[in-house]
C-alpha atoms as a PDB file:
ATOM      1  CA  MET A   1      35.067  39.682  77.246  1.00  0.00           C
ATOM      2  CA  ARG A   2      34.369  40.596  80.866  1.00  0.00           C
ATOM      3  CA  ARG A   3      31.756  38.678  82.800  1.00  0.00           C
ATOM      4  CA  LYS A   4      29.400  40.700  84.991  1.00  0.00           C
ATOM      5  CA  ASN A   5      29.534  40.231  88.721  1.00  0.00           C
ATOM      6  CA  HIS A   6      26.537  40.418  90.982  1.00  0.00           C
ATOM      7  CA  HIS A   7      27.877  43.735  92.260  1.00  0.00           C
ATOM      8  CA  ASP A   8      27.978  45.241  88.773  1.00  0.00           C
ATOM      9  CA  GLY A   9      24.547  46.754  88.372  1.00  0.00           C
ATOM     10  CA  PRO A  10      23.079  48.104  85.164  1.00  0.00           C
ATOM     11  CA  LYS A  11      24.426  51.512  84.276  1.00  0.00           C
ATOM     12  CA  ASN A  12      21.286  52.840  82.603  1.00  0.00           C
ATOM     13  CA  LYS A  13      17.687  51.916  81.787  1.00  0.00           C
ATOM     14  CA  ARG A  14      18.621  50.222  78.506  1.00  0.00           C
ATOM     15  CA  ASP A  15      21.023  47.901  80.346  1.00  0.00           C
ATOM     16  CA  MET A  16      18.205  47.041  82.758  1.00  0.00           C
ATOM     17  CA  GLU A  17      15.881  46.085  79.891  1.00  0.00           C
ATOM     18  CA  THR A  18      18.412  43.906  78.103  1.00  0.00           C
ATOM     19  CA  GLU A  19      20.026  42.382  81.182  1.00  0.00           C
ATOM     20  CA  SER A  20      18.777  38.918  82.014  1.00  0.00           C
ATOM     21  CA  PRO A  21      18.191  38.560  85.747  1.00  0.00           C
ATOM     22  CA  ILE A  22      18.930  34.843  85.615  1.00  0.00           C
ATOM     23  CA  GLU A  23      22.564  33.996  84.875  1.00  0.00           C
ATOM     24  CA  GLY A  24      23.038  31.496  82.061  1.00  0.00           C
ATOM     25  CA  SER A  25      19.562  31.792  80.537  1.00  0.00           C
ATOM     26  CA  SER A  26      19.038  33.098  77.034  1.00  0.00           C
ATOM     27  CA  SER A  27      17.225  36.328  76.320  1.00  0.00           C
ATOM     28  CA  GLU A  28      14.426  34.466  74.524  1.00  0.00           C
ATOM     29  CA  GLU A  29      13.664  32.425  77.617  1.00  0.00           C
ATOM     30  CA  TRP A  30      13.739  35.544  79.753  1.00  0.00           C
ATOM     31  CA  GLU A  31      11.396  37.345  77.348  1.00  0.00           C
ATOM     32  CA  ALA A  32       9.044  34.356  77.357  1.00  0.00           C
ATOM     33  CA  GLU A  33       8.978  34.369  81.152  1.00  0.00           C
ATOM     34  CA  GLN A  34       8.320  38.111  81.234  1.00  0.00           C
ATOM     35  CA  PHE A  35       5.522  37.743  78.690  1.00  0.00           C
ATOM     36  CA  GLU A  36       3.990  34.907  80.685  1.00  0.00           C
ATOM     37  CA  GLN A  37       4.104  36.978  83.877  1.00  0.00           C
ATOM     38  CA  LEU A  38       2.599  40.080  82.276  1.00  0.00           C
ATOM     39  CA  VAL A  39       0.025  38.675  79.881  1.00  0.00           C
ATOM     40  CA  GLY A  40      -0.204  34.935  80.442  1.00  0.00           C
ATOM     41  CA  ARG A  41      -3.045  34.826  82.971  1.00  0.00           C
ATOM     42  CA  HIS A  42      -5.186  37.332  81.062  1.00  0.00           C
ATOM     43  CA  LEU A  43      -4.536  35.585  77.792  1.00  0.00           C
ATOM     44  CA  LYS A  44      -5.572  32.223  79.262  1.00  0.00           C
ATOM     45  CA  GLN A  45      -8.760  33.746  80.702  1.00  0.00           C
ATOM     46  CA  TRP A  46      -9.632  35.306  77.360  1.00  0.00           C
ATOM     47  CA  ASP A  47      -8.846  32.076  75.518  1.00  0.00           C
ATOM     48  CA  ASP A  48     -11.078  30.097  77.889  1.00  0.00           C
ATOM     49  CA  SER A  49     -13.943  32.579  77.474  1.00  0.00           C
ATOM     50  CA  VAL A  50     -13.844  32.401  73.677  1.00  0.00           C
ATOM     51  CA  THR A  51     -15.021  28.992  72.591  1.00  0.00           C
ATOM     52  CA  PRO A  52     -15.806  28.570  68.901  1.00  0.00           C
ATOM     53  CA  GLU A  53     -19.144  27.054  68.073  1.00  0.00           C
ATOM     54  CA  ILE A  54     -18.733  23.842  66.104  1.00  0.00           C
ATOM     55  CA  PRO A  55     -21.340  23.664  63.333  1.00  0.00           C
ATOM     56  CA  SER A  56     -23.548  20.616  63.045  1.00  0.00           C
ATOM     57  CA  ILE A  57     -23.276  18.215  60.139  1.00  0.00           C
ATOM     58  CA  GLN A  58     -26.745  19.261  58.927  1.00  0.00           C
ATOM     59  CA  SER A  59     -25.745  22.913  58.677  1.00  0.00           C
ATOM     60  CA  LEU A  60     -22.598  21.961  56.744  1.00  0.00           C
ATOM     61  CA  GLU A  61     -24.639  19.779  54.377  1.00  0.00           C
ATOM     62  CA  GLN A  62     -27.113  22.651  53.923  1.00  0.00           C
ATOM     63  CA  LEU A  63     -24.258  25.050  53.152  1.00  0.00           C
ATOM     64  CA  ALA A  64     -22.764  22.661  50.590  1.00  0.00           C
ATOM     65  CA  GLY A  65     -26.184  22.090  48.994  1.00  0.00           C
ATOM     66  CA  ASP A  66     -26.863  25.819  48.720  1.00  0.00           C
ATOM     67  CA  GLN A  67     -23.470  26.364  47.103  1.00  0.00           C
ATOM     68  CA  ARG A  68     -24.130  23.524  44.642  1.00  0.00           C
ATOM     69  CA  ASP A  69     -27.516  25.047  43.719  1.00  0.00           C
ATOM     70  CA  ARG A  70     -25.935  28.483  43.166  1.00  0.00           C
ATOM     71  CA  LEU A  71     -23.239  26.973  40.953  1.00  0.00           C
ATOM     72  CA  ARG A  72     -25.805  24.995  38.973  1.00  0.00           C
ATOM     73  CA  GLY A  73     -27.875  28.153  38.381  1.00  0.00           C
ATOM     74  CA  ARG A  74     -24.780  30.087  37.304  1.00  0.00           C
ATOM     75  CA  LEU A  75     -23.820  27.263  34.925  1.00  0.00           C
ATOM     76  CA  TRP A  76     -27.228  27.319  33.215  1.00  0.00           C
ATOM     77  CA  ARG A  77     -27.154  31.114  32.954  1.00  0.00           C
ATOM     78  CA  ASP A  78     -23.676  31.066  31.379  1.00  0.00           C
ATOM     79  CA  LEU A  79     -24.671  28.265  29.039  1.00  0.00           C
ATOM     80  CA  LEU A  80     -27.747  30.181  27.876  1.00  0.00           C
ATOM     81  CA  LEU A  81     -25.660  33.317  27.354  1.00  0.00           C
ATOM     82  CA  PHE A  82     -23.134  31.298  25.337  1.00  0.00           C
ATOM     83  CA  TRP A  83     -25.827  29.929  23.024  1.00  0.00           C
ATOM     84  CA  VAL A  84     -27.439  33.335  22.520  1.00  0.00           C
ATOM     85  CA  VAL A  85     -24.135  35.037  21.651  1.00  0.00           C
ATOM     86  CA  SER A  86     -22.977  32.190  19.414  1.00  0.00           C
ATOM     87  CA  GLY A  87     -26.347  32.222  17.617  1.00  0.00           C
ATOM     88  CA  MET A  88     -26.014  35.961  16.999  1.00  0.00           C
ATOM     89  CA  ILE A  89     -22.460  35.549  15.668  1.00  0.00           C
ATOM     90  CA  LEU A  90     -23.424  32.661  13.366  1.00  0.00           C
ATOM     91  CA  SER A  91     -26.481  34.593  12.111  1.00  0.00           C
ATOM     92  CA  GLY A  92     -24.284  37.573  11.323  1.00  0.00           C
ATOM     93  CA  LEU A  93     -21.788  35.384   9.472  1.00  0.00           C
ATOM     94  CA  VAL A  94     -24.547  33.708   7.432  1.00  0.00           C
ATOM     95  CA  LEU A  95     -25.935  37.134   6.484  1.00  0.00           C
ATOM     96  CA  LEU A  96     -22.412  38.283   5.570  1.00  0.00           C
ATOM     97  CA  VAL A  97     -21.890  35.226   3.308  1.00  0.00           C
ATOM     98  CA  GLN A  98     -25.164  35.961   1.491  1.00  0.00           C
ATOM     99  CA  ARG A  99     -24.376  39.680   1.042  1.00  0.00           C
ATOM    100  CA  ASP A 100     -20.658  39.771   0.237  1.00  0.00           C
ATOM    101  CA  LEU A 101     -18.450  36.686  -0.056  1.00  0.00           C
ATOM    102  CA  LYS A 102     -15.203  38.721  -0.290  1.00  0.00           C
ATOM    103  CA  LEU A 103     -15.932  40.588   2.940  1.00  0.00           C
ATOM    104  CA  PHE A 104     -16.776  37.257   4.636  1.00  0.00           C
ATOM    105  CA  ILE A 105     -13.384  35.822   3.584  1.00  0.00           C
ATOM    106  CA  ILE A 106     -11.586  38.947   4.872  1.00  0.00           C
ATOM    107  CA  VAL A 107     -13.390  38.690   8.217  1.00  0.00           C
ATOM    108  CA  GLN A 108     -12.518  34.984   8.478  1.00  0.00           C
ATOM    109  CA  VAL A 109      -8.812  35.655   7.748  1.00  0.00           C
ATOM    110  CA  VAL A 110      -8.697  38.431  10.369  1.00  0.00           C
ATOM    111  CA  VAL A 111     -10.395  36.201  12.936  1.00  0.00           C
ATOM    112  CA  LEU A 112      -7.998  33.341  12.126  1.00  0.00           C
ATOM    113  CA  MET A 113      -4.972  35.631  12.587  1.00  0.00           C
ATOM    114  CA  ALA A 114      -6.338  36.930  15.897  1.00  0.00           C
ATOM    115  CA  ALA A 115      -6.931  33.368  17.113  1.00  0.00           C
ATOM    116  CA  CYS A 116      -3.372  32.368  16.172  1.00  0.00           C
ATOM    117  CA  LEU A 117      -1.957  35.373  18.026  1.00  0.00           C
ATOM    118  CA  PHE A 118      -4.097  34.518  21.035  1.00  0.00           C
ATOM    119  CA  VAL A 119      -2.804  30.942  21.094  1.00  0.00           C
ATOM    120  CA  VAL A 120       0.862  31.835  20.460  1.00  0.00           C
ATOM    121  CA  SER A 121       1.178  34.863  22.792  1.00  0.00           C
ATOM    122  CA  PRO A 122       1.260  32.938  26.121  1.00  0.00           C
ATOM    123  CA  VAL A 123       3.909  30.574  24.718  1.00  0.00           C
ATOM    124  CA  VAL A 124       6.124  33.479  23.661  1.00  0.00           C
ATOM    125  CA  ARG A 125       5.703  35.198  27.044  1.00  0.00           C
ATOM    126  CA  ARG A 126       6.532  31.979  28.907  1.00  0.00           C
ATOM    127  CA  GLU A 127       9.759  31.445  26.934  1.00  0.00           C
ATOM    128  CA  GLY A 128      11.051  34.846  28.022  1.00  0.00           C
ATOM    129  CA  ARG A 129      10.592  34.117  31.727  1.00  0.00           C
ATOM    130  CA  GLY A 130      13.561  32.938  33.690  1.00  0.00           C
ATOM    131  CA  LYS A 131      16.149  34.122  31.185  1.00  0.00           C
ATOM    132  CA  TRP A 132      18.712  36.776  32.042  1.00  0.00           C
ATOM    133  CA  THR A 133      18.301  40.027  30.197  1.00  0.00           C
ATOM    134  CA  ASN A 134      21.036  42.546  29.486  1.00  0.00           C
END
């Protein structure tokens, strides 16, 4: 491989862009120097002008307290909804037992089968993962 002399100038614009003016330095160092020359001063000025505001401990405590209150309210709402829906389901099942015992048993068997499928389906899907398929 031929080493360039100082007299060998770049033949075209592309050679000028890729040629490192400093012998022996890597292109990454040269690019870093070029970046620093072109953008460094402006970037430092912009960085100095943008100073993030550090929140006070009281505002952080207020934020955490508000979040805790929202979560507590959501918990009570979900709990109330759970009890209302479960009460409606149990009332329907009690009415079904009083009206038709055979239909109640059929509904219970169907619900039991659906619950078993719900429990078993993630296990079956997980076993298939990671295996090679043909």
